[in-house]
Amino acid sequence: MKKNISRNSLLILVLLSTVMACKTKKTIVKTPDLTAVPVTNVRKAENLRMLRAKDIPFNTLSMKGKVSLDINGSVNNVNMTIRIQKDQKIWASVTAIAGIEVARALITPDSVFLRNNLQSVGVKKPFSYLNSFTSKQVTFKMLQSILSGNTIAEFTNDQATLDADSGVFTAKGVQGELAFRVLFNTLQKTAELNMNEVKAGKSLKVVYSDYQQVTDALFPSVMKINSMSGTKKTNLAFDFSKIERNVQLDFPFTLPKRFELIN
């Protein structure tokens, strides 16, 4: 039972999120006041293309920072490195404040690999295993977009309803059993993402802030994720101190022989 509890806690951490000897000073891009935002074109298709064009383009993406993890009132503060190779893999390393790596994970479009270094256990599952913790409609690309602060393709297509108020957009709609609502700020970047699957009792809220210039694109250096699945509530607060894109990255993941593999 103890192993199952640790495994599930690790999975939630990696999925929803899923180091820093020093903290670098951030240069935050100021969000313009509403009065400074030009009048919005009323054509939905053009506005959707404009919002998608604000996505940060990347082949690789690396984020390092501090994470506060609260699972049903149990709080832990750790450091985390997240690396993404676009459309191929998401890699994460969780490090205790003392600098000891406690967990590592690798997520691909079809598989999930987890490694708990403290208990010497590993997990190998199909990607669909993640859907037991989130909506069954969550895909690898959707998870990738959540972690990068980019628009989600399924939420910014012609089926979405797009409202505009003084240049601030809200996209909303229903995809299957999943209802969504996305609020954009005056930088035309995502400020808040809401996903609800009422019948399954699952919800996800992500709030993005403190956008930084990463080469020629904007990335949220602060990300707060609130998730509910049944009676389980999970809150994560990311504060990224280093963000890089299109740099050479490694995605090491092996399971030592001493580790027990849990299927």
C-alpha atoms as a PDB file:
ATOM      1  CA  MET A   1       0.000   0.000   0.000  1.00  0.00           C
ATOM      2  CA  LYS A   2       2.802   2.398   0.842  1.00  0.00           C
ATOM      3  CA  LYS A   3       4.318   1.913  -2.589  1.00  0.00           C
ATOM      4  CA  ASN A   4       0.979   2.585  -4.280  1.00  0.00           C
ATOM      5  CA  ILE A   5       0.499   5.825  -2.351  1.00  0.00           C
ATOM      6  CA  SER A   6       3.981   7.040  -3.282  1.00  0.00           C
ATOM      7  CA  ARG A   7       3.508   5.996  -6.884  1.00  0.00           C
ATOM      8  CA  ASN A   8       0.214   7.847  -7.252  1.00  0.00           C
ATOM      9  CA  SER A   9       1.559  10.989  -5.582  1.00  0.00           C
ATOM     10  CA  LEU A  10       4.539  10.953  -7.940  1.00  0.00           C
ATOM     11  CA  LEU A  11       2.284  10.442 -10.948  1.00  0.00           C
ATOM     12  CA  ILE A  12       0.103  13.415 -10.024  1.00  0.00           C
ATOM     13  CA  LEU A  13       3.190  15.590  -9.551  1.00  0.00           C
ATOM     14  CA  VAL A  14       4.607  14.667 -12.963  1.00  0.00           C
ATOM     15  CA  LEU A  15       1.295  14.719 -14.799  1.00  0.00           C
ATOM     16  CA  LEU A  16       0.113  18.078 -13.626  1.00  0.00           C
ATOM     17  CA  SER A  17       3.403  19.737 -13.672  1.00  0.00           C
ATOM     18  CA  THR A  18       4.665  16.624 -15.688  1.00  0.00           C
ATOM     19  CA  VAL A  19      16.660  23.482  -9.812  1.00  0.00           C
ATOM     20  CA  MET A  20      18.275  25.819  -8.921  1.00  0.00           C
ATOM     21  CA  ALA A  21      21.334  26.342  -6.862  1.00  0.00           C
ATOM     22  CA  CYS A  22      20.649  30.055  -7.231  1.00  0.00           C
ATOM     23  CA  LYS A  23      17.671  32.124  -8.275  1.00  0.00           C
ATOM     24  CA  THR A  24      18.089  34.453 -11.214  1.00  0.00           C
ATOM     25  CA  LYS A  25      16.410  37.838 -11.335  1.00  0.00           C
ATOM     26  CA  LYS A  26      13.342  37.832 -13.573  1.00  0.00           C
ATOM     27  CA  THR A  27      12.464  40.453 -16.134  1.00  0.00           C
ATOM     28  CA  ILE A  28       8.679  40.382 -16.263  1.00  0.00           C
ATOM     29  CA  VAL A  29       6.850  41.661 -19.324  1.00  0.00           C
ATOM     30  CA  LYS A  30       4.212  44.137 -18.151  1.00  0.00           C
ATOM     31  CA  THR A  31       0.649  43.303 -19.130  1.00  0.00           C
ATOM     32  CA  PRO A  32      -0.803  46.324 -20.971  1.00  0.00           C
ATOM     33  CA  ASP A  33      -3.816  48.119 -19.521  1.00  0.00           C
ATOM     34  CA  LEU A  34      -7.119  47.551 -21.301  1.00  0.00           C
ATOM     35  CA  THR A  35      -7.061  51.116 -22.604  1.00  0.00           C
ATOM     36  CA  ALA A  36      -3.816  50.383 -24.454  1.00  0.00           C
ATOM     37  CA  VAL A  37      -5.248  47.387 -26.318  1.00  0.00           C
ATOM     38  CA  PRO A  38      -6.361  48.161 -29.885  1.00  0.00           C
ATOM     39  CA  VAL A  39      -9.905  47.452 -31.054  1.00  0.00           C
ATOM     40  CA  THR A  40     -10.291  43.770 -31.841  1.00  0.00           C
ATOM     41  CA  ASN A  41     -11.172  42.458 -35.275  1.00  0.00           C
ATOM     42  CA  VAL A  42     -14.635  40.909 -35.026  1.00  0.00           C
ATOM     43  CA  ARG A  43     -13.845  37.933 -37.275  1.00  0.00           C
ATOM     44  CA  LYS A  44     -13.469  34.850 -35.125  1.00  0.00           C
ATOM     45  CA  ALA A  45     -11.201  32.909 -37.499  1.00  0.00           C
ATOM     46  CA  GLU A  46      -8.723  35.782 -37.732  1.00  0.00           C
ATOM     47  CA  ASN A  47      -8.703  36.307 -33.980  1.00  0.00           C
ATOM     48  CA  LEU A  48      -8.095  32.609 -33.322  1.00  0.00           C
ATOM     49  CA  ARG A  49      -5.174  32.643 -35.734  1.00  0.00           C
ATOM     50  CA  MET A  50      -3.802  35.725 -33.962  1.00  0.00           C
ATOM     51  CA  LEU A  51      -3.987  34.005 -30.557  1.00  0.00           C
ATOM     52  CA  ARG A  52      -2.348  30.826 -31.856  1.00  0.00           C
ATOM     53  CA  ALA A  53       0.406  32.948 -33.418  1.00  0.00           C
ATOM     54  CA  LYS A  54       1.369  34.096 -29.900  1.00  0.00           C
ATOM     55  CA  ASP A  55       2.401  30.537 -28.945  1.00  0.00           C
ATOM     56  CA  ILE A  56       6.047  30.057 -28.084  1.00  0.00           C
ATOM     57  CA  PRO A  57       7.564  28.011 -30.945  1.00  0.00           C
ATOM     58  CA  PHE A  58      10.129  25.427 -29.936  1.00  0.00           C
ATOM     59  CA  ASN A  59      11.834  22.192 -30.814  1.00  0.00           C
ATOM     60  CA  THR A  60      13.073  21.778 -27.252  1.00  0.00           C
ATOM     61  CA  LEU A  61      12.063  23.552 -24.063  1.00  0.00           C
ATOM     62  CA  SER A  62      13.678  23.481 -20.620  1.00  0.00           C
ATOM     63  CA  MET A  63      12.212  24.905 -17.398  1.00  0.00           C
ATOM     64  CA  LYS A  64      13.877  24.872 -13.993  1.00  0.00           C
ATOM     65  CA  GLY A  65      12.377  26.133 -10.780  1.00  0.00           C
ATOM     66  CA  LYS A  66      10.796  25.614  -7.402  1.00  0.00           C
ATOM     67  CA  VAL A  67       7.523  23.768  -6.925  1.00  0.00           C
ATOM     68  CA  SER A  68       5.157  23.741  -3.967  1.00  0.00           C
ATOM     69  CA  LEU A  69       3.075  20.555  -4.011  1.00  0.00           C
ATOM     70  CA  ASP A  70      -0.057  20.239  -1.870  1.00  0.00           C
ATOM     71  CA  ILE A  71      -1.929  16.918  -2.034  1.00  0.00           C
ATOM     72  CA  ASN A  72      -4.993  16.896   0.224  1.00  0.00           C
ATOM     73  CA  GLY A  73      -3.315  19.291   2.650  1.00  0.00           C
ATOM     74  CA  SER A  74       0.098  17.575   2.714  1.00  0.00           C
ATOM     75  CA  VAL A  75       2.616  20.165   1.490  1.00  0.00           C
ATOM     76  CA  ASN A  76       6.095  19.547   0.079  1.00  0.00           C
ATOM     77  CA  ASN A  77       8.508  22.025  -1.449  1.00  0.00           C
ATOM     78  CA  VAL A  78      10.888  20.653  -4.074  1.00  0.00           C
ATOM     79  CA  ASN A  79      12.913  21.712  -7.086  1.00  0.00           C
ATOM     80  CA  MET A  80      12.033  20.488 -10.559  1.00  0.00           C
ATOM     81  CA  THR A  81      13.512  20.400 -14.025  1.00  0.00           C
ATOM     82  CA  ILE A  82      11.124  19.843 -16.931  1.00  0.00           C
ATOM     83  CA  ARG A  83      12.385  19.201 -20.453  1.00  0.00           C
ATOM     84  CA  ILE A  84      10.238  18.863 -23.552  1.00  0.00           C
ATOM     85  CA  GLN A  85      11.126  17.629 -27.010  1.00  0.00           C
ATOM     86  CA  LYS A  86       8.201  18.782 -29.094  1.00  0.00           C
ATOM     87  CA  ASP A  87       5.600  16.096 -29.826  1.00  0.00           C
ATOM     88  CA  GLN A  88       7.998  13.370 -28.675  1.00  0.00           C
ATOM     89  CA  LYS A  89       8.759  13.365 -24.958  1.00  0.00           C
ATOM     90  CA  ILE A  90       8.369  15.174 -21.632  1.00  0.00           C
ATOM     91  CA  TRP A  91      11.065  14.530 -19.025  1.00  0.00           C
ATOM     92  CA  ALA A  92      11.027  15.629 -15.402  1.00  0.00           C
ATOM     93  CA  SER A  93      13.415  15.374 -12.466  1.00  0.00           C
ATOM     94  CA  VAL A  94      12.274  16.108  -8.911  1.00  0.00           C
ATOM     95  CA  THR A  95      14.994  17.164  -6.474  1.00  0.00           C
ATOM     96  CA  ALA A  96      14.760  17.654  -2.731  1.00  0.00           C
ATOM     97  CA  ILE A  97      15.995  20.904  -1.230  1.00  0.00           C
ATOM     98  CA  ALA A  98      19.152  19.067  -0.145  1.00  0.00           C
ATOM     99  CA  GLY A  99      19.969  18.418  -3.819  1.00  0.00           C
ATOM    100  CA  ILE A 100      19.064  14.718  -3.815  1.00  0.00           C
ATOM    101  CA  GLU A 101      17.026  13.523  -6.803  1.00  0.00           C
ATOM    102  CA  VAL A 102      13.960  11.762  -5.426  1.00  0.00           C
ATOM    103  CA  ALA A 103      12.126  10.959  -8.644  1.00  0.00           C
ATOM    104  CA  ARG A 104      12.370  11.010 -12.406  1.00  0.00           C
ATOM    105  CA  ALA A 105       9.778  10.604 -15.133  1.00  0.00           C
ATOM    106  CA  LEU A 106       9.538  10.244 -18.885  1.00  0.00           C
ATOM    107  CA  ILE A 107       6.254  10.669 -20.766  1.00  0.00           C
ATOM    108  CA  THR A 108       5.879   9.902 -24.474  1.00  0.00           C
ATOM    109  CA  PRO A 109       2.743   9.936 -26.655  1.00  0.00           C
ATOM    110  CA  ASP A 110       2.177   6.254 -25.875  1.00  0.00           C
ATOM    111  CA  SER A 111       3.972   5.512 -22.580  1.00  0.00           C
ATOM    112  CA  VAL A 112       4.612   6.705 -19.026  1.00  0.00           C
ATOM    113  CA  PHE A 113       7.781   5.800 -17.116  1.00  0.00           C
ATOM    114  CA  LEU A 114       8.253   6.749 -13.455  1.00  0.00           C
ATOM    115  CA  ARG A 115      11.152   6.162 -11.087  1.00  0.00           C
ATOM    116  CA  ASN A 116      10.981   6.605  -7.313  1.00  0.00           C
ATOM    117  CA  ASN A 117      14.585   6.790  -6.155  1.00  0.00           C
ATOM    118  CA  LEU A 118      13.729   6.787  -2.456  1.00  0.00           C
ATOM    119  CA  GLN A 119      11.861   3.479  -2.570  1.00  0.00           C
ATOM    120  CA  SER A 120      13.725   1.939  -5.545  1.00  0.00           C
ATOM    121  CA  VAL A 121      10.563   1.264  -7.555  1.00  0.00           C
ATOM    122  CA  GLY A 122       9.668   1.999 -11.154  1.00  0.00           C
ATOM    123  CA  VAL A 123       6.419   2.219 -13.110  1.00  0.00           C
ATOM    124  CA  LYS A 124       5.790   1.542 -16.788  1.00  0.00           C
ATOM    125  CA  LYS A 125       2.311   2.234 -18.152  1.00  0.00           C
ATOM    126  CA  PRO A 126       0.606   3.188 -21.427  1.00  0.00           C
ATOM    127  CA  PHE A 127      -0.205   6.894 -21.821  1.00  0.00           C
ATOM    128  CA  SER A 128      -3.880   6.066 -21.323  1.00  0.00           C
ATOM    129  CA  TYR A 129      -3.034   5.365 -17.668  1.00  0.00           C
ATOM    130  CA  LEU A 130      -2.841   9.133 -17.142  1.00  0.00           C
ATOM    131  CA  ASN A 131      -6.473   9.459 -18.150  1.00  0.00           C
ATOM    132  CA  SER A 132      -7.493   7.766 -14.900  1.00  0.00           C
ATOM    133  CA  PHE A 133      -6.235  10.905 -13.141  1.00  0.00           C
ATOM    134  CA  THR A 134      -7.436  13.429 -15.733  1.00  0.00           C
ATOM    135  CA  SER A 135     -10.069  13.614 -18.446  1.00  0.00           C
ATOM    136  CA  LYS A 136      -9.936  10.724 -20.890  1.00  0.00           C
ATOM    137  CA  GLN A 137      -9.656  13.362 -23.624  1.00  0.00           C
ATOM    138  CA  VAL A 138      -6.281  14.654 -22.418  1.00  0.00           C
ATOM    139  CA  THR A 139      -3.612  13.807 -24.987  1.00  0.00           C
ATOM    140  CA  PHE A 140       0.162  14.122 -24.994  1.00  0.00           C
ATOM    141  CA  LYS A 141      -0.017  17.277 -27.111  1.00  0.00           C
ATOM    142  CA  MET A 142      -2.567  18.788 -24.739  1.00  0.00           C
ATOM    143  CA  LEU A 143      -0.307  18.106 -21.751  1.00  0.00           C
ATOM    144  CA  GLN A 144       2.588  19.615 -23.689  1.00  0.00           C
ATOM    145  CA  SER A 145       0.561  22.779 -24.342  1.00  0.00           C
ATOM    146  CA  ILE A 146      -0.456  23.075 -20.680  1.00  0.00           C
ATOM    147  CA  LEU A 147       3.168  22.926 -19.539  1.00  0.00           C
ATOM    148  CA  SER A 148       4.342  25.425 -22.158  1.00  0.00           C
ATOM    149  CA  GLY A 149       1.484  27.906 -21.718  1.00  0.00           C
ATOM    150  CA  ASN A 150       0.542  27.566 -25.379  1.00  0.00           C
ATOM    151  CA  THR A 151      -2.944  27.407 -26.828  1.00  0.00           C
ATOM    152  CA  ILE A 152      -4.611  23.996 -26.975  1.00  0.00           C
ATOM    153  CA  ALA A 153      -5.611  23.092 -30.523  1.00  0.00           C
ATOM    154  CA  GLU A 154      -8.915  21.521 -29.466  1.00  0.00           C
ATOM    155  CA  PHE A 155      -9.897  24.727 -27.624  1.00  0.00           C
ATOM    156  CA  THR A 156      -8.992  27.242 -30.328  1.00  0.00           C
ATOM    157  CA  ASN A 157     -10.613  25.721 -33.404  1.00  0.00           C
ATOM    158  CA  ASP A 158     -13.750  26.753 -35.326  1.00  0.00           C
ATOM    159  CA  GLN A 159     -16.007  24.894 -32.868  1.00  0.00           C
ATOM    160  CA  ALA A 160     -14.952  27.108 -29.955  1.00  0.00           C
ATOM    161  CA  THR A 161     -16.956  30.161 -28.972  1.00  0.00           C
ATOM    162  CA  LEU A 162     -14.714  33.237 -28.878  1.00  0.00           C
ATOM    163  CA  ASP A 163     -15.846  36.324 -26.982  1.00  0.00           C
ATOM    164  CA  ALA A 164     -13.965  39.630 -26.965  1.00  0.00           C
ATOM    165  CA  ASP A 165     -14.303  42.470 -24.497  1.00  0.00           C
ATOM    166  CA  SER A 166     -12.054  45.487 -25.079  1.00  0.00           C
ATOM    167  CA  GLY A 167      -9.401  43.296 -26.675  1.00  0.00           C
ATOM    168  CA  VAL A 168      -9.478  40.583 -23.990  1.00  0.00           C
ATOM    169  CA  PHE A 169     -10.532  37.194 -25.338  1.00  0.00           C
ATOM    170  CA  THR A 170     -12.359  34.241 -23.794  1.00  0.00           C
ATOM    171  CA  ALA A 171     -12.617  30.916 -25.620  1.00  0.00           C
ATOM    172  CA  LYS A 172     -15.104  28.364 -24.391  1.00  0.00           C
ATOM    173  CA  GLY A 173     -16.970  25.282 -25.461  1.00  0.00           C
ATOM    174  CA  VAL A 174     -17.481  21.560 -25.004  1.00  0.00           C
ATOM    175  CA  GLN A 175     -15.398  18.728 -26.423  1.00  0.00           C
ATOM    176  CA  GLY A 176     -17.209  15.458 -25.805  1.00  0.00           C
ATOM    177  CA  GLU A 177     -17.736  15.286 -22.036  1.00  0.00           C
ATOM    178  CA  LEU A 178     -15.121  17.971 -21.369  1.00  0.00           C
ATOM    179  CA  ALA A 179     -16.154  21.617 -20.908  1.00  0.00           C
ATOM    180  CA  PHE A 180     -13.428  24.247 -21.251  1.00  0.00           C
ATOM    181  CA  ARG A 181     -12.932  27.972 -20.747  1.00  0.00           C
ATOM    182  CA  VAL A 182      -9.731  29.841 -21.611  1.00  0.00           C
ATOM    183  CA  LEU A 183      -9.103  33.470 -20.609  1.00  0.00           C
ATOM    184  CA  PHE A 184      -6.419  35.454 -22.430  1.00  0.00           C
ATOM    185  CA  ASN A 185      -4.656  38.523 -21.023  1.00  0.00           C
ATOM    186  CA  THR A 186      -3.873  41.762 -22.848  1.00  0.00           C
ATOM    187  CA  LEU A 187      -0.604  40.213 -24.082  1.00  0.00           C
ATOM    188  CA  GLN A 188      -2.921  37.790 -25.921  1.00  0.00           C
ATOM    189  CA  LYS A 189      -1.386  34.942 -23.942  1.00  0.00           C
ATOM    190  CA  THR A 190      -3.258  32.453 -21.780  1.00  0.00           C
ATOM    191  CA  ALA A 191      -4.051  33.835 -18.332  1.00  0.00           C
ATOM    192  CA  GLU A 192      -6.340  31.070 -17.086  1.00  0.00           C
ATOM    193  CA  LEU A 193      -7.367  27.631 -18.325  1.00  0.00           C
ATOM    194  CA  ASN A 194     -10.368  25.753 -16.929  1.00  0.00           C
ATOM    195  CA  MET A 195     -11.282  22.152 -17.802  1.00  0.00           C
ATOM    196  CA  ASN A 196     -14.231  20.326 -16.246  1.00  0.00           C
ATOM    197  CA  GLU A 197     -15.563  16.811 -16.711  1.00  0.00           C
ATOM    198  CA  VAL A 198     -18.636  16.940 -14.487  1.00  0.00           C
ATOM    199  CA  LYS A 199     -19.803  13.334 -14.816  1.00  0.00           C
ATOM    200  CA  ALA A 200     -16.375  12.001 -13.825  1.00  0.00           C
ATOM    201  CA  GLY A 201     -15.964  14.552 -11.005  1.00  0.00           C
ATOM    202  CA  LYS A 202     -12.720  15.896 -12.468  1.00  0.00           C
ATOM    203  CA  SER A 203     -11.584  19.486 -12.915  1.00  0.00           C
ATOM    204  CA  LEU A 204      -8.372  21.324 -13.730  1.00  0.00           C
ATOM    205  CA  LYS A 205      -7.568  25.015 -13.379  1.00  0.00           C
ATOM    206  CA  VAL A 206      -4.267  26.528 -14.498  1.00  0.00           C
ATOM    207  CA  VAL A 207      -3.335  30.172 -13.885  1.00  0.00           C
ATOM    208  CA  TYR A 208      -0.380  31.677 -15.756  1.00  0.00           C
ATOM    209  CA  SER A 209       1.423  34.892 -14.837  1.00  0.00           C
ATOM    210  CA  ASP A 210       4.762  36.722 -14.797  1.00  0.00           C
ATOM    211  CA  TYR A 211       5.440  36.300 -18.498  1.00  0.00           C
ATOM    212  CA  GLN A 212       9.083  36.573 -19.517  1.00  0.00           C
ATOM    213  CA  GLN A 213      10.693  37.163 -22.878  1.00  0.00           C
ATOM    214  CA  VAL A 214      12.434  33.957 -23.986  1.00  0.00           C
ATOM    215  CA  THR A 215      14.371  35.008 -27.086  1.00  0.00           C
ATOM    216  CA  ASP A 216      11.519  36.377 -29.251  1.00  0.00           C
ATOM    217  CA  ALA A 217       8.518  34.776 -27.497  1.00  0.00           C
ATOM    218  CA  LEU A 218       6.704  34.971 -24.152  1.00  0.00           C
ATOM    219  CA  PHE A 219       6.662  32.250 -21.504  1.00  0.00           C
ATOM    220  CA  PRO A 220       4.883  32.232 -18.102  1.00  0.00           C
ATOM    221  CA  SER A 221       7.437  31.958 -15.312  1.00  0.00           C
ATOM    222  CA  VAL A 222       4.719  31.407 -12.695  1.00  0.00           C
ATOM    223  CA  MET A 223       2.168  28.632 -13.108  1.00  0.00           C
ATOM    224  CA  LYS A 224      -0.439  27.549 -10.555  1.00  0.00           C
ATOM    225  CA  ILE A 225      -2.339  24.296 -11.090  1.00  0.00           C
ATOM    226  CA  ASN A 226      -5.388  23.233  -9.105  1.00  0.00           C
ATOM    227  CA  SER A 227      -6.771  19.772  -9.790  1.00  0.00           C
ATOM    228  CA  MET A 228      -9.640  17.768  -8.373  1.00  0.00           C
ATOM    229  CA  SER A 229     -10.363  14.110  -9.108  1.00  0.00           C
ATOM    230  CA  GLY A 230     -13.154  12.784  -6.928  1.00  0.00           C
ATOM    231  CA  THR A 231     -12.195  13.647  -3.355  1.00  0.00           C
ATOM    232  CA  LYS A 232      -8.506  14.150  -4.118  1.00  0.00           C
ATOM    233  CA  LYS A 233      -7.349  17.752  -4.392  1.00  0.00           C
ATOM    234  CA  THR A 234      -3.930  18.693  -5.705  1.00  0.00           C
ATOM    235  CA  ASN A 235      -2.399  22.179  -5.836  1.00  0.00           C
ATOM    236  CA  LEU A 236       0.928  22.984  -7.454  1.00  0.00           C
ATOM    237  CA  ALA A 237       2.704  26.319  -7.668  1.00  0.00           C
ATOM    238  CA  PHE A 238       5.639  26.549 -10.094  1.00  0.00           C
ATOM    239  CA  ASP A 239       8.129  29.405  -9.996  1.00  0.00           C
ATOM    240  CA  PHE A 240      10.554  28.943 -12.888  1.00  0.00           C
ATOM    241  CA  SER A 241      13.903  30.661 -12.492  1.00  0.00           C
ATOM    242  CA  LYS A 242      15.460  29.498 -15.774  1.00  0.00           C
ATOM    243  CA  ILE A 243      13.697  28.970 -19.098  1.00  0.00           C
ATOM    244  CA  GLU A 244      15.469  27.977 -22.312  1.00  0.00           C
ATOM    245  CA  ARG A 245      14.261  26.928 -25.727  1.00  0.00           C
ATOM    246  CA  ASN A 246      15.869  25.250 -28.722  1.00  0.00           C
ATOM    247  CA  VAL A 247      18.951  24.168 -26.781  1.00  0.00           C
ATOM    248  CA  GLN A 248      20.572  20.748 -26.819  1.00  0.00           C
ATOM    249  CA  LEU A 249      18.921  18.565 -24.165  1.00  0.00           C
ATOM    250  CA  ASP A 250      19.322  15.062 -22.792  1.00  0.00           C
ATOM    251  CA  PHE A 251      16.395  12.925 -21.599  1.00  0.00           C
ATOM    252  CA  PRO A 252      18.118  10.195 -19.555  1.00  0.00           C
ATOM    253  CA  PHE A 253      15.922   7.504 -18.079  1.00  0.00           C
ATOM    254  CA  THR A 254      17.054   4.058 -16.977  1.00  0.00           C
ATOM    255  CA  LEU A 255      15.833   1.693 -14.287  1.00  0.00           C
ATOM    256  CA  PRO A 256      18.685   0.280 -12.163  1.00  0.00           C
ATOM    257  CA  LYS A 257      18.647  -3.475 -11.614  1.00  0.00           C
ATOM    258  CA  ARG A 258      17.943  -3.077  -7.907  1.00  0.00           C
ATOM    259  CA  PHE A 259      14.621  -1.315  -8.689  1.00  0.00           C
ATOM    260  CA  GLU A 260      11.344  -3.213  -8.535  1.00  0.00           C
ATOM    261  CA  LEU A 261       9.160  -2.683 -11.627  1.00  0.00           C
ATOM    262  CA  ILE A 262       5.475  -2.196 -10.812  1.00  0.00           C
ATOM    263  CA  ASN A 263       3.038  -2.739 -13.681  1.00  0.00           C
END
